[in-house]
Amino acid sequence: MRRLTYVGAAVLVIAISIGLLVPGQLSKPDAESILMGVAHAMEEAKSLHIVFHGTESGVKTPSGLRMMPGPMDLWLSSRAIYMRALAPDGTVIFAGAADADTREIWAYTRDEKTYLVGDLTPIADRAAGVISEASKLFRSDRIMQTIGKVFPDAKMSVATETREGRRVAVVTVTGTLKTSPRRVAGRNVFEVDAGTNRLLTMRQYAKAEGAQEQLVQTMDRVDYDVPMPAEGRTLEVPEGTKTVRATPTIEETERTLGLALKSGKHVLRYEVPRGDK
């Protein structure tokens, strides 16, 4: 079954990469405090627009990782999630959204030329809860513990510099990504506006033993408190795409709660940990 699982895929993309930070500590900058401050700034924003290049795994590179060639756009608020993945030529490969205010959930896939659409009205309250929690995950909710899992032997450092009159903190996190079948070291570099604790950019590198370091992921831009896309057409779903109606459902497991939209082989799912676990 072809799955478009964005709190599986995109959270991994963002959770590994978005660093996070807290205010204060500017005279004696501390890496962990800076990262906590970034998290706080993201959580406090009414909305976010993030432009990034994600990571592909299981590929034939020394590290088993490589950066996706096209960018992705992600818009987040407490009530909605919009996402768009582009090919290098700007063509939309995938676009999807879940919006508690318009009560819409939909997904477009270029390969199948399909526009999957559902109405959240019958499950509006529970859907809104999943969307809100998924947005928190996409932002920063579990970043610090995620970094700990990705780099169990993490080491952090901070440098500060001034750019065009703005003080910028550069936080570097290094550690081991994996040891088998080949040891791979990781290095994440976060650039942060020291005056606002807002993340400016992020770069993630991987280096397999005996090979050159590779750039495997970037966060190119983060916009705070920006308007959310007004409707699906703003994500450029091509005219003439086949529309398929589907019924969204709430899926529960012992540990997770999910919002899913399915039709045949097409699946869009947002999944979050259960709050009572």
C-alpha atoms as a PDB file:
ATOM      1  CA  MET A   1       0.000   0.000   0.000  1.00  0.00           C
ATOM      2  CA  ARG A   2       1.380   3.406  -0.924  1.00  0.00           C
ATOM      3  CA  ARG A   3       1.395   5.540   2.203  1.00  0.00           C
ATOM      4  CA  LEU A   4       1.569   9.283   2.510  1.00  0.00           C
ATOM      5  CA  THR A   5       2.266   9.339   6.229  1.00  0.00           C
ATOM      6  CA  TYR A   6       3.351  12.829   7.181  1.00  0.00           C
ATOM      7  CA  VAL A   7       3.647  12.644  10.925  1.00  0.00           C
ATOM      8  CA  GLY A   8       5.704   9.564  10.167  1.00  0.00           C
ATOM      9  CA  ALA A   9       7.782  11.133   7.402  1.00  0.00           C
ATOM     10  CA  ALA A  10       7.708  14.848   8.012  1.00  0.00           C
ATOM     11  CA  VAL A  11       8.010  14.681  11.770  1.00  0.00           C
ATOM     12  CA  LEU A  12      11.116  12.573  11.297  1.00  0.00           C
ATOM     13  CA  VAL A  13      12.391  15.105   8.789  1.00  0.00           C
ATOM     14  CA  ILE A  14      11.696  18.039  11.045  1.00  0.00           C
ATOM     15  CA  ALA A  15      12.156  16.425  14.415  1.00  0.00           C
ATOM     16  CA  ILE A  16      15.696  15.350  13.599  1.00  0.00           C
ATOM     17  CA  SER A  17      16.484  18.717  12.201  1.00  0.00           C
ATOM     18  CA  ILE A  18      14.762  21.541  13.998  1.00  0.00           C
ATOM     19  CA  GLY A  19      16.840  22.506  16.931  1.00  0.00           C
ATOM     20  CA  LEU A  20      15.344  24.483  19.672  1.00  0.00           C
ATOM     21  CA  LEU A  21      16.170  27.385  22.238  1.00  0.00           C
ATOM     22  CA  VAL A  22      15.097  29.602  25.538  1.00  0.00           C
ATOM     23  CA  PRO A  23      15.652  33.252  26.366  1.00  0.00           C
ATOM     24  CA  GLY A  24      18.456  34.583  28.545  1.00  0.00           C
ATOM     25  CA  GLN A  25      21.985  33.151  28.590  1.00  0.00           C
ATOM     26  CA  LEU A  26      23.154  35.613  25.928  1.00  0.00           C
ATOM     27  CA  SER A  27      26.208  36.825  27.832  1.00  0.00           C
ATOM     28  CA  LYS A  28      27.210  33.198  28.455  1.00  0.00           C
ATOM     29  CA  PRO A  29      25.489  31.329  25.638  1.00  0.00           C
ATOM     30  CA  ASP A  30      24.655  27.724  26.400  1.00  0.00           C
ATOM     31  CA  ALA A  31      23.788  25.389  23.511  1.00  0.00           C
ATOM     32  CA  GLU A  32      21.002  23.505  25.246  1.00  0.00           C
ATOM     33  CA  SER A  33      19.401  26.697  26.550  1.00  0.00           C
ATOM     34  CA  ILE A  34      19.543  28.204  23.071  1.00  0.00           C
ATOM     35  CA  LEU A  35      17.871  25.142  21.580  1.00  0.00           C
ATOM     36  CA  MET A  36      15.182  25.204  24.257  1.00  0.00           C
ATOM     37  CA  GLY A  37      14.614  28.869  23.474  1.00  0.00           C
ATOM     38  CA  VAL A  38      14.091  28.088  19.794  1.00  0.00           C
ATOM     39  CA  ALA A  39      11.486  25.511  20.791  1.00  0.00           C
ATOM     40  CA  HIS A  40       9.723  28.057  22.953  1.00  0.00           C
ATOM     41  CA  ALA A  41       9.679  30.642  20.152  1.00  0.00           C
ATOM     42  CA  MET A  42       8.198  28.096  17.748  1.00  0.00           C
ATOM     43  CA  GLU A  43       5.546  27.051  20.245  1.00  0.00           C
ATOM     44  CA  GLU A  44       4.598  30.677  20.912  1.00  0.00           C
ATOM     45  CA  ALA A  45       4.211  31.566  17.223  1.00  0.00           C
ATOM     46  CA  LYS A  46       0.616  31.745  15.996  1.00  0.00           C
ATOM     47  CA  SER A  47       1.756  30.077  12.785  1.00  0.00           C
ATOM     48  CA  LEU A  48       4.914  28.928  11.025  1.00  0.00           C
ATOM     49  CA  HIS A  49       5.989  28.489   7.421  1.00  0.00           C
ATOM     50  CA  ILE A  50       9.047  26.264   7.036  1.00  0.00           C
ATOM     51  CA  VAL A  51      10.943  25.635   3.794  1.00  0.00           C
ATOM     52  CA  PHE A  52      13.261  22.638   3.977  1.00  0.00           C
ATOM     53  CA  HIS A  53      14.972  19.852   2.065  1.00  0.00           C
ATOM     54  CA  GLY A  54      14.278  16.502   3.705  1.00  0.00           C
ATOM     55  CA  THR A  55      16.353  13.337   3.886  1.00  0.00           C
ATOM     56  CA  GLU A  56      16.003  10.070   2.009  1.00  0.00           C
ATOM     57  CA  SER A  57      17.273   6.913   3.702  1.00  0.00           C
ATOM     58  CA  GLY A  58      18.233   3.484   2.423  1.00  0.00           C
ATOM     59  CA  VAL A  59      19.972   4.924  -0.625  1.00  0.00           C
ATOM     60  CA  LYS A  60      23.303   3.945  -2.187  1.00  0.00           C
ATOM     61  CA  THR A  61      25.515   6.544  -0.578  1.00  0.00           C
ATOM     62  CA  PRO A  62      28.320   5.959   1.964  1.00  0.00           C
ATOM     63  CA  SER A  63      26.049   7.041   4.820  1.00  0.00           C
ATOM     64  CA  GLY A  64      22.859   5.466   3.450  1.00  0.00           C
ATOM     65  CA  LEU A  65      21.348   8.971   3.432  1.00  0.00           C
ATOM     66  CA  ARG A  66      20.974  11.797   0.935  1.00  0.00           C
ATOM     67  CA  MET A  67      19.169  15.092   0.703  1.00  0.00           C
ATOM     68  CA  MET A  68      15.959  15.188  -1.314  1.00  0.00           C
ATOM     69  CA  PRO A  69      16.490  17.192  -4.512  1.00  0.00           C
ATOM     70  CA  GLY A  70      13.341  19.296  -4.225  1.00  0.00           C
ATOM     71  CA  PRO A  71      12.155  21.556  -1.390  1.00  0.00           C
ATOM     72  CA  MET A  72       9.170  21.079   0.880  1.00  0.00           C
ATOM     73  CA  ASP A  73       6.864  23.735   2.326  1.00  0.00           C
ATOM     74  CA  LEU A  74       5.136  23.259   5.652  1.00  0.00           C
ATOM     75  CA  TRP A  75       2.555  25.621   7.188  1.00  0.00           C
ATOM     76  CA  LEU A  76       1.555  25.054  10.819  1.00  0.00           C
ATOM     77  CA  SER A  77      -0.932  26.529  13.267  1.00  0.00           C
ATOM     78  CA  SER A  78      -2.797  25.058  16.216  1.00  0.00           C
ATOM     79  CA  ARG A  79      -5.766  24.460  13.894  1.00  0.00           C
ATOM     80  CA  ALA A  80      -4.252  23.438  10.575  1.00  0.00           C
ATOM     81  CA  ILE A  81      -1.369  21.710   8.807  1.00  0.00           C
ATOM     82  CA  TYR A  82      -0.579  22.293   5.132  1.00  0.00           C
ATOM     83  CA  MET A  83       2.261  20.624   3.252  1.00  0.00           C
ATOM     84  CA  ARG A  84       3.706  20.685  -0.253  1.00  0.00           C
ATOM     85  CA  ALA A  85       6.628  18.770  -1.783  1.00  0.00           C
ATOM     86  CA  LEU A  86       8.183  20.065  -4.996  1.00  0.00           C
ATOM     87  CA  ALA A  87      10.384  18.557  -7.685  1.00  0.00           C
ATOM     88  CA  PRO A  88      13.566  20.493  -8.574  1.00  0.00           C
ATOM     89  CA  ASP A  89      11.700  22.067 -11.517  1.00  0.00           C
ATOM     90  CA  GLY A  90       8.984  23.395  -9.182  1.00  0.00           C
ATOM     91  CA  THR A  91       6.339  20.799 -10.076  1.00  0.00           C
ATOM     92  CA  VAL A  92       4.136  19.758  -7.153  1.00  0.00           C
ATOM     93  CA  ILE A  93       4.775  16.107  -6.279  1.00  0.00           C
ATOM     94  CA  PHE A  94       2.549  15.989  -3.224  1.00  0.00           C
ATOM     95  CA  ALA A  95       0.308  18.415  -1.371  1.00  0.00           C
ATOM     96  CA  GLY A  96      -1.915  17.780   1.625  1.00  0.00           C
ATOM     97  CA  ALA A  97      -3.779  19.482   4.436  1.00  0.00           C
ATOM     98  CA  ALA A  98      -5.934  19.020   7.500  1.00  0.00           C
ATOM     99  CA  ASP A  99      -7.814  22.116   8.640  1.00  0.00           C
ATOM    100  CA  ALA A 100     -10.029  22.150  11.726  1.00  0.00           C
ATOM    101  CA  ASP A 101     -11.594  25.507  10.820  1.00  0.00           C
ATOM    102  CA  THR A 102     -12.633  24.687   7.248  1.00  0.00           C
ATOM    103  CA  ARG A 103     -13.156  21.033   8.301  1.00  0.00           C
ATOM    104  CA  GLU A 104     -11.308  19.823   5.241  1.00  0.00           C
ATOM    105  CA  ILE A 105      -8.713  17.099   4.845  1.00  0.00           C
ATOM    106  CA  TRP A 106      -7.177  16.364   1.456  1.00  0.00           C
ATOM    107  CA  ALA A 107      -4.135  15.045  -0.352  1.00  0.00           C
ATOM    108  CA  TYR A 108      -2.843  15.362  -3.914  1.00  0.00           C
ATOM    109  CA  THR A 109      -0.337  12.957  -5.495  1.00  0.00           C
ATOM    110  CA  ARG A 110       1.164  13.766  -8.878  1.00  0.00           C
ATOM    111  CA  ASP A 111       2.032  10.180  -9.836  1.00  0.00           C
ATOM    112  CA  GLU A 112      -1.559   8.990  -9.482  1.00  0.00           C
ATOM    113  CA  LYS A 113      -3.027  12.335 -10.596  1.00  0.00           C
ATOM    114  CA  THR A 114      -5.439  12.002  -7.683  1.00  0.00           C
ATOM    115  CA  TYR A 115      -6.957  14.573  -5.338  1.00  0.00           C
ATOM    116  CA  LEU A 116      -8.243  12.754  -2.238  1.00  0.00           C
ATOM    117  CA  VAL A 117     -10.810  14.840  -0.337  1.00  0.00           C
ATOM    118  CA  GLY A 118     -12.661  14.329   2.952  1.00  0.00           C
ATOM    119  CA  ASP A 119     -15.047  16.207   5.284  1.00  0.00           C
ATOM    120  CA  LEU A 120     -14.002  16.441   8.943  1.00  0.00           C
ATOM    121  CA  THR A 121     -17.428  17.612  10.173  1.00  0.00           C
ATOM    122  CA  PRO A 122     -18.591  14.246  11.622  1.00  0.00           C
ATOM    123  CA  ILE A 123     -15.388  13.940  13.684  1.00  0.00           C
ATOM    124  CA  ALA A 124     -14.624  17.644  14.042  1.00  0.00           C
ATOM    125  CA  ASP A 125     -13.712  17.762  17.749  1.00  0.00           C
ATOM    126  CA  ARG A 126     -11.436  14.719  17.771  1.00  0.00           C
ATOM    127  CA  ALA A 127      -9.870  15.694  14.455  1.00  0.00           C
ATOM    128  CA  ALA A 128      -9.066  19.152  15.838  1.00  0.00           C
ATOM    129  CA  GLY A 129      -7.306  17.519  18.775  1.00  0.00           C
ATOM    130  CA  VAL A 130      -5.114  15.378  16.530  1.00  0.00           C
ATOM    131  CA  ILE A 131      -4.299  18.339  14.277  1.00  0.00           C
ATOM    132  CA  SER A 132      -3.297  20.457  17.270  1.00  0.00           C
ATOM    133  CA  GLU A 133      -1.031  17.751  18.707  1.00  0.00           C
ATOM    134  CA  ALA A 134       0.472  16.945  15.310  1.00  0.00           C
ATOM    135  CA  SER A 135       1.272  20.636  14.829  1.00  0.00           C
ATOM    136  CA  LYS A 136       3.089  20.648  18.178  1.00  0.00           C
ATOM    137  CA  LEU A 137       5.130  17.645  17.102  1.00  0.00           C
ATOM    138  CA  PHE A 138       6.004  19.263  13.799  1.00  0.00           C
ATOM    139  CA  ARG A 139       7.087  22.401  15.615  1.00  0.00           C
ATOM    140  CA  SER A 140       9.229  21.372  18.538  1.00  0.00           C
ATOM    141  CA  ASP A 141       7.430  19.399  21.214  1.00  0.00           C
ATOM    142  CA  ARG A 142       9.848  16.494  21.342  1.00  0.00           C
ATOM    143  CA  ILE A 143      12.939  17.994  19.758  1.00  0.00           C
ATOM    144  CA  MET A 144      15.268  17.757  22.698  1.00  0.00           C
ATOM    145  CA  GLN A 145      14.518  14.084  23.364  1.00  0.00           C
ATOM    146  CA  THR A 146      14.595  13.353  19.638  1.00  0.00           C
ATOM    147  CA  ILE A 147      18.089  14.825  19.376  1.00  0.00           C
ATOM    148  CA  GLY A 148      19.039  12.627  22.309  1.00  0.00           C
ATOM    149  CA  LYS A 149      17.791   9.544  20.457  1.00  0.00           C
ATOM    150  CA  VAL A 150      19.432  10.502  17.187  1.00  0.00           C
ATOM    151  CA  PHE A 151      22.715  11.436  18.863  1.00  0.00           C
ATOM    152  CA  PRO A 152      22.923   9.380  22.079  1.00  0.00           C
ATOM    153  CA  ASP A 153      26.498  10.656  22.526  1.00  0.00           C
ATOM    154  CA  ALA A 154      25.642  14.234  21.559  1.00  0.00           C
ATOM    155  CA  LYS A 155      28.151  17.047  22.067  1.00  0.00           C
ATOM    156  CA  MET A 156      27.073  20.678  21.707  1.00  0.00           C
ATOM    157  CA  SER A 157      28.917  23.929  21.157  1.00  0.00           C
ATOM    158  CA  VAL A 158      28.016  27.573  20.518  1.00  0.00           C
ATOM    159  CA  ALA A 159      29.644  30.409  18.601  1.00  0.00           C
ATOM    160  CA  THR A 160      28.253  33.919  18.227  1.00  0.00           C
ATOM    161  CA  GLU A 161      28.746  36.416  15.433  1.00  0.00           C
ATOM    162  CA  THR A 162      27.251  39.637  14.160  1.00  0.00           C
ATOM    163  CA  ARG A 163      25.641  39.784  10.717  1.00  0.00           C
ATOM    164  CA  GLU A 164      24.285  43.043   9.353  1.00  0.00           C
ATOM    165  CA  GLY A 165      23.851  44.362  12.871  1.00  0.00           C
ATOM    166  CA  ARG A 166      22.107  41.221  14.118  1.00  0.00           C
ATOM    167  CA  ARG A 167      23.617  38.888  16.695  1.00  0.00           C
ATOM    168  CA  VAL A 168      23.493  35.273  15.544  1.00  0.00           C
ATOM    169  CA  ALA A 169      24.142  32.187  17.675  1.00  0.00           C
ATOM    170  CA  VAL A 170      25.501  29.187  15.771  1.00  0.00           C
ATOM    171  CA  VAL A 171      24.818  25.941  17.657  1.00  0.00           C
ATOM    172  CA  THR A 172      26.565  22.770  16.533  1.00  0.00           C
ATOM    173  CA  VAL A 173      25.401  19.335  17.699  1.00  0.00           C
ATOM    174  CA  THR A 174      27.551  16.314  16.829  1.00  0.00           C
ATOM    175  CA  GLY A 175      27.254  12.622  17.579  1.00  0.00           C
ATOM    176  CA  THR A 176      26.889   9.129  16.175  1.00  0.00           C
ATOM    177  CA  LEU A 177      23.943   8.478  13.847  1.00  0.00           C
ATOM    178  CA  LYS A 178      24.546   4.736  13.509  1.00  0.00           C
ATOM    179  CA  THR A 179      27.299   2.149  13.957  1.00  0.00           C
ATOM    180  CA  SER A 180      26.139  -0.710  11.708  1.00  0.00           C
ATOM    181  CA  PRO A 181      26.838  -1.815   9.045  1.00  0.00           C
ATOM    182  CA  ARG A 182      29.133   1.218   8.960  1.00  0.00           C
ATOM    183  CA  ARG A 183      29.675   3.936  11.530  1.00  0.00           C
ATOM    184  CA  VAL A 184      28.088   7.224  10.498  1.00  0.00           C
ATOM    185  CA  ALA A 185      28.728  10.479  12.357  1.00  0.00           C
ATOM    186  CA  GLY A 186      26.207  13.307  12.305  1.00  0.00           C
ATOM    187  CA  ARG A 187      26.578  17.076  12.606  1.00  0.00           C
ATOM    188  CA  ASN A 188      23.672  19.513  12.929  1.00  0.00           C
ATOM    189  CA  VAL A 189      24.265  23.274  12.654  1.00  0.00           C
ATOM    190  CA  PHE A 190      21.537  25.679  13.802  1.00  0.00           C
ATOM    191  CA  GLU A 191      21.681  29.428  13.155  1.00  0.00           C
ATOM    192  CA  VAL A 192      19.536  31.414  15.570  1.00  0.00           C
ATOM    193  CA  ASP A 193      18.644  35.082  15.918  1.00  0.00           C
ATOM    194  CA  ALA A 194      19.971  35.722  19.436  1.00  0.00           C
ATOM    195  CA  GLY A 195      17.599  38.648  19.944  1.00  0.00           C
ATOM    196  CA  THR A 196      14.380  36.728  19.284  1.00  0.00           C
ATOM    197  CA  ASN A 197      15.382  33.046  19.688  1.00  0.00           C
ATOM    198  CA  ARG A 198      14.001  32.446  16.206  1.00  0.00           C
ATOM    199  CA  LEU A 199      15.594  29.746  14.095  1.00  0.00           C
ATOM    200  CA  LEU A 200      17.081  31.123  10.874  1.00  0.00           C
ATOM    201  CA  THR A 201      18.511  28.037   9.161  1.00  0.00           C
ATOM    202  CA  MET A 202      19.584  24.473   9.899  1.00  0.00           C
ATOM    203  CA  ARG A 203      21.966  22.114   8.126  1.00  0.00           C
ATOM    204  CA  GLN A 204      22.481  18.433   8.842  1.00  0.00           C
ATOM    205  CA  TYR A 205      25.548  16.507   7.701  1.00  0.00           C
ATOM    206  CA  ALA A 206      26.417  12.804   7.742  1.00  0.00           C
ATOM    207  CA  LYS A 207      29.872  11.250   7.436  1.00  0.00           C
ATOM    208  CA  ALA A 208      30.530   7.548   7.005  1.00  0.00           C
ATOM    209  CA  GLU A 209      33.927   6.184   7.981  1.00  0.00           C
ATOM    210  CA  GLY A 210      36.393   6.613   5.120  1.00  0.00           C
ATOM    211  CA  ALA A 211      34.051   8.899   3.154  1.00  0.00           C
ATOM    212  CA  GLN A 212      33.524  12.641   2.781  1.00  0.00           C
ATOM    213  CA  GLU A 213      30.902  14.444   4.823  1.00  0.00           C
ATOM    214  CA  GLN A 214      27.550  14.857   3.024  1.00  0.00           C
ATOM    215  CA  LEU A 215      24.904  17.528   3.424  1.00  0.00           C
ATOM    216  CA  VAL A 216      21.760  15.434   3.956  1.00  0.00           C
ATOM    217  CA  GLN A 217      19.145  17.933   5.130  1.00  0.00           C
ATOM    218  CA  THR A 218      18.541  21.672   5.329  1.00  0.00           C
ATOM    219  CA  MET A 219      16.041  24.067   6.787  1.00  0.00           C
ATOM    220  CA  ASP A 220      16.348  27.016   4.471  1.00  0.00           C
ATOM    221  CA  ARG A 221      13.791  29.402   5.912  1.00  0.00           C
ATOM    222  CA  VAL A 222      11.403  29.759   8.857  1.00  0.00           C
ATOM    223  CA  ASP A 223       8.679  32.433   8.759  1.00  0.00           C
ATOM    224  CA  TYR A 224       6.778  33.225  11.957  1.00  0.00           C
ATOM    225  CA  ASP A 225       3.177  34.439  12.319  1.00  0.00           C
ATOM    226  CA  VAL A 226       2.400  34.268   8.600  1.00  0.00           C
ATOM    227  CA  PRO A 227      -1.022  33.667   6.996  1.00  0.00           C
ATOM    228  CA  MET A 228      -2.014  30.050   6.433  1.00  0.00           C
ATOM    229  CA  PRO A 229      -2.966  29.005   2.879  1.00  0.00           C
ATOM    230  CA  ALA A 230      -6.561  30.023   2.342  1.00  0.00           C
ATOM    231  CA  GLU A 231      -7.569  26.874   0.468  1.00  0.00           C
ATOM    232  CA  GLY A 232      -6.244  23.886  -1.418  1.00  0.00           C
ATOM    233  CA  ARG A 233      -5.868  25.765  -4.688  1.00  0.00           C
ATOM    234  CA  THR A 234      -3.107  27.858  -3.176  1.00  0.00           C
ATOM    235  CA  LEU A 235      -0.994  24.698  -3.187  1.00  0.00           C
ATOM    236  CA  GLU A 236      -1.352  24.494  -6.964  1.00  0.00           C
ATOM    237  CA  VAL A 237      -3.232  21.225  -7.414  1.00  0.00           C
ATOM    238  CA  PRO A 238      -3.366  20.945 -11.234  1.00  0.00           C
ATOM    239  CA  GLU A 239      -6.683  21.336 -13.000  1.00  0.00           C
ATOM    240  CA  GLY A 240      -8.083  18.108 -14.398  1.00  0.00           C
ATOM    241  CA  THR A 241      -6.810  16.004 -11.498  1.00  0.00           C
ATOM    242  CA  LYS A 242      -9.193  13.192 -10.577  1.00  0.00           C
ATOM    243  CA  THR A 243     -11.096  13.954  -7.359  1.00  0.00           C
ATOM    244  CA  VAL A 244     -11.779  10.999  -5.075  1.00  0.00           C
ATOM    245  CA  ARG A 245     -14.117  11.423  -2.095  1.00  0.00           C
ATOM    246  CA  ALA A 246     -13.220   9.545   1.084  1.00  0.00           C
ATOM    247  CA  THR A 247     -14.389   9.450   4.695  1.00  0.00           C
ATOM    248  CA  PRO A 248     -11.802  10.521   7.300  1.00  0.00           C
ATOM    249  CA  THR A 249     -11.537   8.376  10.415  1.00  0.00           C
ATOM    250  CA  ILE A 250      -9.972   8.481  13.862  1.00  0.00           C
ATOM    251  CA  GLU A 251      -7.679   5.502  14.404  1.00  0.00           C
ATOM    252  CA  GLU A 252      -6.600   4.402  17.871  1.00  0.00           C
ATOM    253  CA  THR A 253      -3.897   2.032  19.048  1.00  0.00           C
ATOM    254  CA  GLU A 254      -2.645   1.407  22.563  1.00  0.00           C
ATOM    255  CA  ARG A 255      -0.094   4.201  22.183  1.00  0.00           C
ATOM    256  CA  THR A 256      -1.241   6.450  19.333  1.00  0.00           C
ATOM    257  CA  LEU A 257      -4.179   8.414  18.028  1.00  0.00           C
ATOM    258  CA  GLY A 258      -4.438   9.072  14.320  1.00  0.00           C
ATOM    259  CA  LEU A 259      -6.451  11.035  11.787  1.00  0.00           C
ATOM    260  CA  ALA A 260      -6.591   9.123   8.507  1.00  0.00           C
ATOM    261  CA  LEU A 261      -8.029   9.587   5.039  1.00  0.00           C
ATOM    262  CA  LYS A 262      -8.018   6.474   2.873  1.00  0.00           C
ATOM    263  CA  SER A 263      -9.203   5.361  -0.528  1.00  0.00           C
ATOM    264  CA  GLY A 264      -7.750   2.198  -2.012  1.00  0.00           C
ATOM    265  CA  LYS A 265      -3.971   2.513  -2.075  1.00  0.00           C
ATOM    266  CA  HIS A 266      -4.066   6.197  -1.120  1.00  0.00           C
ATOM    267  CA  VAL A 267      -3.536   7.021   2.549  1.00  0.00           C
ATOM    268  CA  LEU A 268      -2.981  10.327   4.339  1.00  0.00           C
ATOM    269  CA  ARG A 269      -2.389   9.960   8.071  1.00  0.00           C
ATOM    270  CA  TYR A 270      -1.496  12.248  10.968  1.00  0.00           C
ATOM    271  CA  GLU A 271      -0.506  10.259  14.048  1.00  0.00           C
ATOM    272  CA  VAL A 272       0.313  11.452  17.568  1.00  0.00           C
ATOM    273  CA  PRO A 273       1.034   9.770  20.913  1.00  0.00           C
ATOM    274  CA  ARG A 274      -2.031   9.237  23.084  1.00  0.00           C
ATOM    275  CA  GLY A 275      -2.250  11.752  25.878  1.00  0.00           C
ATOM    276  CA  ASP A 276      -3.411   9.165  28.403  1.00  0.00           C
ATOM    277  CA  LYS A 277      -0.308   6.995  27.899  1.00  0.00           C
END
